[in-house]
PDB file of N, CA and C in Angstrom:
ATOM      1  N   UNK A   1     107.936  75.768 110.540  1.00  0.00           N
ATOM      2  CA  UNK A   1     107.999  77.543 110.246  1.00  0.00           C
ATOM      3  C   UNK A   1     106.937  77.592 109.364  1.00  0.00           C
ATOM      4  N   UNK A   2     106.186  78.391 109.525  1.00  0.00           N
ATOM      5  CA  UNK A   2     104.777  78.848 109.106  1.00  0.00           C
ATOM      6  C   UNK A   2     105.261  80.043 108.118  1.00  0.00           C
ATOM      7  N   UNK A   3     104.659  80.055 106.916  1.00  0.00           N
ATOM      8  CA  UNK A   3     104.768  81.158 105.699  1.00  0.00           C
ATOM      9  C   UNK A   3     103.410  81.877 105.605  1.00  0.00           C
ATOM     10  N   UNK A   4     103.091  83.419 106.224  1.00  0.00           N
ATOM     11  CA  UNK A   4     102.312  84.252 106.097  1.00  0.00           C
ATOM     12  C   UNK A   4     102.349  85.009 104.748  1.00  0.00           C
ATOM     13  N   UNK A   5     100.863  85.223 104.230  1.00  0.00           N
ATOM     14  CA  UNK A   5     100.855  86.136 103.189  1.00  0.00           C
ATOM     15  C   UNK A   5      99.648  87.165 103.227  1.00  0.00           C
ATOM     16  N   UNK A   6      99.857  88.516 103.229  1.00  0.00           N
ATOM     17  CA  UNK A   6      98.822  89.300 103.351  1.00  0.00           C
ATOM     18  C   UNK A   6      98.784  89.772 102.172  1.00  0.00           C
ATOM     19  N   UNK A   7      97.368  89.664 101.626  1.00  0.00           N
ATOM     20  CA  UNK A   7      97.118  90.196 100.553  1.00  0.00           C
ATOM     21  C   UNK A   7      96.112  91.447 100.401  1.00  0.00           C
ATOM     22  N   UNK A   8      96.222  92.418 100.246  1.00  0.00           N
ATOM     23  CA  UNK A   8      95.552  94.004 100.297  1.00  0.00           C
ATOM     24  C   UNK A   8      95.576  94.308  98.536  1.00  0.00           C
ATOM     25  N   UNK A   9      94.432  94.941  98.530  1.00  0.00           N
ATOM     26  CA  UNK A   9      94.099  95.833  97.583  1.00  0.00           C
ATOM     27  C   UNK A   9      93.551  97.140  98.151  1.00  0.00           C
ATOM     28  N   UNK A  10      94.150  98.253  97.506  1.00  0.00           N
ATOM     29  CA  UNK A  10      93.675  99.484  97.917  1.00  0.00           C
ATOM     30  C   UNK A  10      93.011 100.162  96.715  1.00  0.00           C
ATOM     31  N   UNK A  11      91.921 101.145  97.446  1.00  0.00           N
ATOM     32  CA  UNK A  11      91.601 102.034  96.371  1.00  0.00           C
ATOM     33  C   UNK A  11      91.787 103.505  96.961  1.00  0.00           C
ATOM     34  N   UNK A  12      92.513 104.077  95.881  1.00  0.00           N
ATOM     35  CA  UNK A  12      93.372 105.711  95.926  1.00  0.00           C
ATOM     36  C   UNK A  12      92.405 106.655  95.090  1.00  0.00           C
ATOM     37  N   UNK A  13      91.219 106.853  95.537  1.00  0.00           N
ATOM     38  CA  UNK A  13      90.286 107.938  95.162  1.00  0.00           C
ATOM     39  C   UNK A  13      91.233 109.196  94.220  1.00  0.00           C
ATOM     40  N   UNK A  14      92.058 110.033  95.390  1.00  0.00           N
ATOM     41  CA  UNK A  14      92.693 111.091  95.286  1.00  0.00           C
ATOM     42  C   UNK A  14      94.021 111.100  94.344  1.00  0.00           C
ATOM     43  N   UNK A  15      94.532 109.808  93.879  1.00  0.00           N
ATOM     44  CA  UNK A  15      95.621 109.473  93.116  1.00  0.00           C
ATOM     45  C   UNK A  15      95.227 109.656  91.132  1.00  0.00           C
ATOM     46  N   UNK A  16      95.745 110.848  90.771  1.00  0.00           N
ATOM     47  CA  UNK A  16      95.013 111.363  89.436  1.00  0.00           C
ATOM     48  C   UNK A  16      96.196 110.658  88.486  1.00  0.00           C
ATOM     49  N   UNK A  17      97.532 110.256  89.136  1.00  0.00           N
ATOM     50  CA  UNK A  17      98.420 109.802  88.254  1.00  0.00           C
ATOM     51  C   UNK A  17      99.271 108.619  88.638  1.00  0.00           C
ATOM     52  N   UNK A  18      99.781 107.987  87.900  1.00  0.00           N
ATOM     53  CA  UNK A  18     101.157 106.725  88.697  1.00  0.00           C
ATOM     54  C   UNK A  18     101.838 107.314  89.528  1.00  0.00           C
ATOM     55  N   UNK A  19     102.077 108.507  89.059  1.00  0.00           N
ATOM     56  CA  UNK A  19     103.373 109.271  90.324  1.00  0.00           C
ATOM     57  C   UNK A  19     102.569 109.563  91.736  1.00  0.00           C
ATOM     58  N   UNK A  20     101.772 109.785  91.759  1.00  0.00           N
ATOM     59  CA  UNK A  20     100.751 110.211  92.728  1.00  0.00           C
ATOM     60  C   UNK A  20     100.796 108.856  93.292  1.00  0.00           C
ATOM     61  N   UNK A  21     100.286 108.001  92.941  1.00  0.00           N
ATOM     62  CA  UNK A  21      99.700 106.652  93.566  1.00  0.00           C
ATOM     63  C   UNK A  21     101.217 106.250  94.303  1.00  0.00           C
ATOM     64  N   UNK A  22     102.476 105.941  93.382  1.00  0.00           N
ATOM     65  CA  UNK A  22     103.611 105.754  94.046  1.00  0.00           C
ATOM     66  C   UNK A  22     104.299 106.378  94.965  1.00  0.00           C
ATOM     67  N   UNK A  23     103.982 107.289  95.328  1.00  0.00           N
ATOM     68  CA  UNK A  23     104.320 108.314  96.147  1.00  0.00           C
ATOM     69  C   UNK A  23     104.019 107.794  97.428  1.00  0.00           C
ATOM     70  N   UNK A  24     102.532 107.488  97.475  1.00  0.00           N
ATOM     71  CA  UNK A  24     101.483 107.263  98.318  1.00  0.00           C
ATOM     72  C   UNK A  24     101.788 106.042  99.219  1.00  0.00           C
ATOM     73  N   UNK A  25     102.158 104.557  97.810  1.00  0.00           N
ATOM     74  CA  UNK A  25     102.388 103.473  98.262  1.00  0.00           C
ATOM     75  C   UNK A  25     103.824 103.444  99.001  1.00  0.00           C
ATOM     76  N   UNK A  26     104.785 104.209  98.636  1.00  0.00           N
ATOM     77  CA  UNK A  26     106.071 104.260  98.728  1.00  0.00           C
ATOM     78  C   UNK A  26     105.800 104.402 100.381  1.00  0.00           C
ATOM     79  N   UNK A  27     105.370 105.440 100.656  1.00  0.00           N
ATOM     80  CA  UNK A  27     105.209 106.085 102.125  1.00  0.00           C
ATOM     81  C   UNK A  27     104.756 105.057 103.156  1.00  0.00           C
ATOM     82  N   UNK A  28     103.741 104.213 102.612  1.00  0.00           N
ATOM     83  CA  UNK A  28     103.339 103.079 103.024  1.00  0.00           C
ATOM     84  C   UNK A  28     104.038 101.942 103.044  1.00  0.00           C
ATOM     85  N   UNK A  29     104.764 101.526 102.372  1.00  0.00           N
ATOM     86  CA  UNK A  29     105.664 100.337 102.483  1.00  0.00           C
ATOM     87  C   UNK A  29     107.021 101.002 102.978  1.00  0.00           C
ATOM     88  N   UNK A  30     107.436 102.115 103.229  1.00  0.00           N
ATOM     89  CA  UNK A  30     108.765 102.121 104.161  1.00  0.00           C
ATOM     90  C   UNK A  30     107.756 102.302 105.553  1.00  0.00           C
ATOM     91  N   UNK A  31     106.678 102.794 105.827  1.00  0.00           N
ATOM     92  CA  UNK A  31     106.497 102.693 107.061  1.00  0.00           C
ATOM     93  C   UNK A  31     106.222 101.737 107.790  1.00  0.00           C
ATOM     94  N   UNK A  32     105.661 100.326 107.093  1.00  0.00           N
ATOM     95  CA  UNK A  32     105.309  99.318 107.732  1.00  0.00           C
ATOM     96  C   UNK A  32     106.384  98.231 107.392  1.00  0.00           C
ATOM     97  N   UNK A  33     107.839  98.249 106.686  1.00  0.00           N
ATOM     98  CA  UNK A  33     108.832  97.614 106.464  1.00  0.00           C
ATOM     99  C   UNK A  33     109.777  97.802 107.784  1.00  0.00           C
ATOM    100  N   UNK A  34     109.858  99.305 108.127  1.00  0.00           N
ATOM    101  CA  UNK A  34     110.559  99.704 109.220  1.00  0.00           C
ATOM    102  C   UNK A  34     109.773  99.357 110.441  1.00  0.00           C
ATOM    103  N   UNK A  35     108.550  99.446 110.561  1.00  0.00           N
ATOM    104  CA  UNK A  35     107.799  99.335 111.831  1.00  0.00           C
ATOM    105  C   UNK A  35     107.508  97.154 111.698  1.00  0.00           C
ATOM    106  N   UNK A  36     107.079  97.000 111.045  1.00  0.00           N
ATOM    107  CA  UNK A  36     106.930  95.238 111.054  1.00  0.00           C
ATOM    108  C   UNK A  36     107.808  94.267 110.646  1.00  0.00           C
ATOM    109  N   UNK A  37     108.875  94.806 109.950  1.00  0.00           N
ATOM    110  CA  UNK A  37     110.052  93.886 109.117  1.00  0.00           C
ATOM    111  C   UNK A  37     109.353  92.880 108.489  1.00  0.00           C
ATOM    112  N   UNK A  38     108.456  93.134 107.367  1.00  0.00           N
ATOM    113  CA  UNK A  38     108.189  92.615 106.643  1.00  0.00           C
ATOM    114  C   UNK A  38     108.659  92.713 105.520  1.00  0.00           C
ATOM    115  N   UNK A  39     108.341  91.640 104.381  1.00  0.00           N
ATOM    116  CA  UNK A  39     108.490  91.789 102.981  1.00  0.00           C
ATOM    117  C   UNK A  39     107.639  92.055 102.532  1.00  0.00           C
ATOM    118  N   UNK A  40     107.472  93.239 101.197  1.00  0.00           N
ATOM    119  CA  UNK A  40     106.216  93.686 100.282  1.00  0.00           C
ATOM    120  C   UNK A  40     106.798  93.983  99.254  1.00  0.00           C
ATOM    121  N   UNK A  41     105.919  93.922  97.956  1.00  0.00           N
ATOM    122  CA  UNK A  41     105.758  94.452  96.849  1.00  0.00           C
ATOM    123  C   UNK A  41     104.330  94.449  96.488  1.00  0.00           C
ATOM    124  N   UNK A  42     104.215  95.348  95.201  1.00  0.00           N
ATOM    125  CA  UNK A  42     103.145  95.687  94.870  1.00  0.00           C
ATOM    126  C   UNK A  42     102.837  94.364  93.857  1.00  0.00           C
ATOM    127  N   UNK A  43     101.753  93.577  93.965  1.00  0.00           N
ATOM    128  CA  UNK A  43     101.631  92.570  93.118  1.00  0.00           C
ATOM    129  C   UNK A  43     100.974  92.856  91.887  1.00  0.00           C
ATOM    130  N   UNK A  44      99.987  93.441  92.071  1.00  0.00           N
ATOM    131  CA  UNK A  44      98.974  93.880  90.535  1.00  0.00           C
ATOM    132  C   UNK A  44      98.872  95.212  90.602  1.00  0.00           C
ATOM    133  N   UNK A  45      97.828  95.552  89.225  1.00  0.00           N
ATOM    134  CA  UNK A  45      97.022  96.923  89.190  1.00  0.00           C
ATOM    135  C   UNK A  45      98.552  97.588  88.939  1.00  0.00           C
ATOM    136  N   UNK A  46      99.826  97.688  88.383  1.00  0.00           N
ATOM    137  CA  UNK A  46     101.036  98.187  88.385  1.00  0.00           C
ATOM    138  C   UNK A  46     100.860  99.244  87.563  1.00  0.00           C
ATOM    139  N   UNK A  47      99.786  98.966  86.530  1.00  0.00           N
ATOM    140  CA  UNK A  47      99.305 100.614  85.742  1.00  0.00           C
ATOM    141  C   UNK A  47      98.288 101.171  86.068  1.00  0.00           C
ATOM    142  N   UNK A  48      97.613 100.713  87.070  1.00  0.00           N
ATOM    143  CA  UNK A  48      96.181 101.203  87.028  1.00  0.00           C
ATOM    144  C   UNK A  48      96.886 102.713  87.880  1.00  0.00           C
ATOM    145  N   UNK A  49      95.829 103.769  88.004  1.00  0.00           N
ATOM    146  CA  UNK A  49      96.043 104.785  88.889  1.00  0.00           C
ATOM    147  C   UNK A  49      95.544 105.150  90.550  1.00  0.00           C
ATOM    148  N   UNK A  50      94.675 104.465  90.477  1.00  0.00           N
ATOM    149  CA  UNK A  50      93.629 104.300  91.843  1.00  0.00           C
ATOM    150  C   UNK A  50      93.792 103.019  92.293  1.00  0.00           C
ATOM    151  N   UNK A  51      94.238 101.885  91.568  1.00  0.00           N
ATOM    152  CA  UNK A  51      93.855 100.760  92.402  1.00  0.00           C
ATOM    153  C   UNK A  51      95.911 100.549  92.898  1.00  0.00           C
ATOM    154  N   UNK A  52      95.564  99.350  93.477  1.00  0.00           N
ATOM    155  CA  UNK A  52      97.004  99.038  93.947  1.00  0.00           C
ATOM    156  C   UNK A  52      96.693  97.393  95.021  1.00  0.00           C
ATOM    157  N   UNK A  53      97.157  96.483  94.584  1.00  0.00           N
ATOM    158  CA  UNK A  53      97.446  95.093  95.136  1.00  0.00           C
ATOM    159  C   UNK A  53      98.824  94.843  95.925  1.00  0.00           C
ATOM    160  N   UNK A  54      98.804  94.841  97.308  1.00  0.00           N
ATOM    161  CA  UNK A  54     100.171  94.713  97.909  1.00  0.00           C
ATOM    162  C   UNK A  54     100.031  93.502  98.530  1.00  0.00           C
ATOM    163  N   UNK A  55     101.283  92.890  98.649  1.00  0.00           N
ATOM    164  CA  UNK A  55     101.539  91.016  99.421  1.00  0.00           C
ATOM    165  C   UNK A  55     102.365  91.413 100.467  1.00  0.00           C
ATOM    166  N   UNK A  56     102.347  90.925 101.488  1.00  0.00           N
ATOM    167  CA  UNK A  56     103.163  91.090 102.786  1.00  0.00           C
ATOM    168  C   UNK A  56     103.482  89.731 103.145  1.00  0.00           C
ATOM    169  N   UNK A  57     104.832  89.514 103.405  1.00  0.00           N
ATOM    170  CA  UNK A  57     105.049  88.109 103.508  1.00  0.00           C
ATOM    171  C   UNK A  57     106.193  88.151 104.926  1.00  0.00           C
ATOM    172  N   UNK A  58     105.476  87.170 105.799  1.00  0.00           N
ATOM    173  CA  UNK A  58     106.623  87.011 106.919  1.00  0.00           C
ATOM    174  C   UNK A  58     106.663  85.473 107.425  1.00  0.00           C
ATOM    175  N   UNK A  59     107.540  85.275 107.832  1.00  0.00           N
ATOM    176  CA  UNK A  59     107.939  84.032 108.807  1.00  0.00           C
ATOM    177  C   UNK A  59     107.635  83.685 110.139  1.00  0.00           C
ATOM    178  N   UNK A  60     107.371  82.584 110.969  1.00  0.00           N
ATOM    179  CA  UNK A  60     107.097  82.543 112.019  1.00  0.00           C
ATOM    180  C   UNK A  60     106.769  81.423 112.256  1.00  0.00           C
ATOM    181  N   UNK A  61     106.934  80.635 113.771  1.00  0.00           N
ATOM    182  CA  UNK A  61     106.565  79.148 114.413  1.00  0.00           C
ATOM    183  C   UNK A  61     105.126  79.171 114.584  1.00  0.00           C
ATOM    184  N   UNK A  62     104.732  80.781 114.897  1.00  0.00           N
ATOM    185  CA  UNK A  62     102.965  80.361 115.616  1.00  0.00           C
ATOM    186  C   UNK A  62     102.224  81.446 114.792  1.00  0.00           C
ATOM    187  N   UNK A  63     101.243  80.777 114.346  1.00  0.00           N
ATOM    188  CA  UNK A  63     100.355  81.299 113.238  1.00  0.00           C
ATOM    189  C   UNK A  63      99.578  82.155 113.783  1.00  0.00           C
ATOM    190  N   UNK A  64      99.137  82.434 115.217  1.00  0.00           N
ATOM    191  CA  UNK A  64      98.588  83.395 115.800  1.00  0.00           C
ATOM    192  C   UNK A  64      99.118  84.628 115.701  1.00  0.00           C
ATOM    193  N   UNK A  65     100.506  84.645 115.845  1.00  0.00           N
ATOM    194  CA  UNK A  65     101.591  85.895 115.564  1.00  0.00           C
ATOM    195  C   UNK A  65     101.012  86.533 114.285  1.00  0.00           C
ATOM    196  N   UNK A  66     101.395  85.630 113.583  1.00  0.00           N
ATOM    197  CA  UNK A  66     101.461  86.167 112.340  1.00  0.00           C
ATOM    198  C   UNK A  66      99.854  86.810 112.042  1.00  0.00           C
ATOM    199  N   UNK A  67      99.115  86.220 112.382  1.00  0.00           N
ATOM    200  CA  UNK A  67      97.700  86.693 112.174  1.00  0.00           C
ATOM    201  C   UNK A  67      97.499  87.976 112.807  1.00  0.00           C
ATOM    202  N   UNK A  68      97.944  88.356 114.043  1.00  0.00           N
ATOM    203  CA  UNK A  68      98.057  89.186 114.576  1.00  0.00           C
ATOM    204  C   UNK A  68      98.618  90.470 114.163  1.00  0.00           C
ATOM    205  N   UNK A  69     100.074  90.251 113.554  1.00  0.00           N
ATOM    206  CA  UNK A  69     100.678  91.075 112.777  1.00  0.00           C
ATOM    207  C   UNK A  69     100.342  91.732 111.732  1.00  0.00           C
ATOM    208  N   UNK A  70      99.401  90.521 111.086  1.00  0.00           N
ATOM    209  CA  UNK A  70      98.717  91.161 109.881  1.00  0.00           C
ATOM    210  C   UNK A  70      97.341  91.943 109.989  1.00  0.00           C
ATOM    211  N   UNK A  71      96.806  91.835 110.823  1.00  0.00           N
ATOM    212  CA  UNK A  71      95.811  92.663 111.464  1.00  0.00           C
ATOM    213  C   UNK A  71      96.709  93.593 111.756  1.00  0.00           C
ATOM    214  N   UNK A  72      97.401  94.028 112.646  1.00  0.00           N
ATOM    215  CA  UNK A  72      97.772  95.373 112.934  1.00  0.00           C
ATOM    216  C   UNK A  72      98.413  96.235 111.786  1.00  0.00           C
ATOM    217  N   UNK A  73      99.215  95.518 110.639  1.00  0.00           N
ATOM    218  CA  UNK A  73      99.437  96.225 109.430  1.00  0.00           C
ATOM    219  C   UNK A  73      98.167  96.640 108.873  1.00  0.00           C
ATOM    220  N   UNK A  74      97.193  96.156 108.804  1.00  0.00           N
ATOM    221  CA  UNK A  74      95.916  96.416 108.186  1.00  0.00           C
ATOM    222  C   UNK A  74      95.300  98.002 108.798  1.00  0.00           C
ATOM    223  N   UNK A  75      95.460  97.501 110.214  1.00  0.00           N
ATOM    224  CA  UNK A  75      94.880  98.827 110.842  1.00  0.00           C
ATOM    225  C   UNK A  75      95.783  99.717 110.403  1.00  0.00           C
ATOM    226  N   UNK A  76      97.101  99.736 110.495  1.00  0.00           N
ATOM    227  CA  UNK A  76      97.883 101.181 110.053  1.00  0.00           C
ATOM    228  C   UNK A  76      97.618 101.593 109.028  1.00  0.00           C
ATOM    229  N   UNK A  77      97.508 100.567 107.862  1.00  0.00           N
ATOM    230  CA  UNK A  77      97.223 101.049 106.446  1.00  0.00           C
ATOM    231  C   UNK A  77      96.176 101.788 106.588  1.00  0.00           C
ATOM    232  N   UNK A  78      94.978 101.271 107.399  1.00  0.00           N
ATOM    233  CA  UNK A  78      93.769 101.959 107.264  1.00  0.00           C
ATOM    234  C   UNK A  78      93.846 103.468 107.580  1.00  0.00           C
ATOM    235  N   UNK A  79      94.783 103.601 108.556  1.00  0.00           N
ATOM    236  CA  UNK A  79      94.772 105.025 109.301  1.00  0.00           C
ATOM    237  C   UNK A  79      95.717 105.683 108.671  1.00  0.00           C
ATOM    238  N   UNK A  80      96.703 105.549 107.418  1.00  0.00           N
ATOM    239  CA  UNK A  80      97.801 106.019 106.908  1.00  0.00           C
ATOM    240  C   UNK A  80      97.237 106.455 105.679  1.00  0.00           C
ATOM    241  N   UNK A  81      95.766 105.841 104.869  1.00  0.00           N
ATOM    242  CA  UNK A  81      96.004 106.131 103.607  1.00  0.00           C
ATOM    243  C   UNK A  81      94.622 107.151 103.117  1.00  0.00           C
ATOM    244  N   UNK A  82      94.688 107.898 102.273  1.00  0.00           N
ATOM    245  CA  UNK A  82      93.545 108.524 102.329  1.00  0.00           C
ATOM    246  C   UNK A  82      92.944 107.883 100.930  1.00  0.00           C
ATOM    247  N   UNK A  83      92.387 106.780 101.210  1.00  0.00           N
ATOM    248  CA  UNK A  83      91.270 105.820 100.155  1.00  0.00           C
ATOM    249  C   UNK A  83      90.867 104.808 101.041  1.00  0.00           C
ATOM    250  N   UNK A  84      90.706 103.476 100.673  1.00  0.00           N
ATOM    251  CA  UNK A  84      90.140 102.425 101.644  1.00  0.00           C
ATOM    252  C   UNK A  84      90.706 101.046 101.067  1.00  0.00           C
ATOM    253  N   UNK A  85      90.875 100.402 101.989  1.00  0.00           N
ATOM    254  CA  UNK A  85      91.110  98.887 101.497  1.00  0.00           C
ATOM    255  C   UNK A  85      90.000  97.949 101.427  1.00  0.00           C
ATOM    256  N   UNK A  86      90.060  97.680  99.709  1.00  0.00           N
ATOM    257  CA  UNK A  86      88.517  97.151  99.301  1.00  0.00           C
ATOM    258  C   UNK A  86      88.589  95.306  99.729  1.00  0.00           C
ATOM    259  N   UNK A  87      89.776  95.059  99.827  1.00  0.00           N
ATOM    260  CA  UNK A  87      89.814  93.932  99.840  1.00  0.00           C
ATOM    261  C   UNK A  87      91.107  93.373 100.552  1.00  0.00           C
ATOM    262  N   UNK A  88      91.014  92.069 101.475  1.00  0.00           N
ATOM    263  CA  UNK A  88      92.301  91.820 102.320  1.00  0.00           C
ATOM    264  C   UNK A  88      91.959  90.000 102.423  1.00  0.00           C
ATOM    265  N   UNK A  89      93.124  89.591 102.322  1.00  0.00           N
ATOM    266  CA  UNK A  89      93.294  87.607 102.785  1.00  0.00           C
ATOM    267  C   UNK A  89      94.324  87.243 102.832  1.00  0.00           C
ATOM    268  N   UNK A  90      94.262  86.587 103.901  1.00  0.00           N
ATOM    269  CA  UNK A  90      95.614  86.070 104.840  1.00  0.00           C
ATOM    270  C   UNK A  90      95.709  84.606 104.431  1.00  0.00           C
ATOM    271  N   UNK A  91      96.928  84.049 103.851  1.00  0.00           N
ATOM    272  CA  UNK A  91      97.092  82.823 103.385  1.00  0.00           C
ATOM    273  C   UNK A  91      97.905  82.337 104.435  1.00  0.00           C
ATOM    274  N   UNK A  92      98.348  80.967 105.314  1.00  0.00           N
ATOM    275  CA  UNK A  92      99.202  80.529 105.668  1.00  0.00           C
ATOM    276  C   UNK A  92      99.488  79.440 105.197  1.00  0.00           C
ATOM    277  N   UNK A  93     100.765  78.857 105.019  1.00  0.00           N
ATOM    278  CA  UNK A  93     101.299  77.267 104.644  1.00  0.00           C
ATOM    279  C   UNK A  93     102.294  76.809 105.969  1.00  0.00           C
TER     280      UNK A  93
END
């Protein structure tokens, strides 16, 4: 069994409060969880208005499927946010 972790850092230039940031992130989280059935959480920059780091975790026997899934998630997030993904990294164990 292979564990996959995708870390992304998002810059949200139009978020002017933590409330706006959380609203945007909750929309993304709900959409990704329903579509891809992955576990996710905000893991850093909890008190920053315009930055967020989110971790996505999944399990599979095939590492290529994990990488493909994470690439699809990245594409969906790029299309869904009014901002940009400034960093992403995939870890496999």
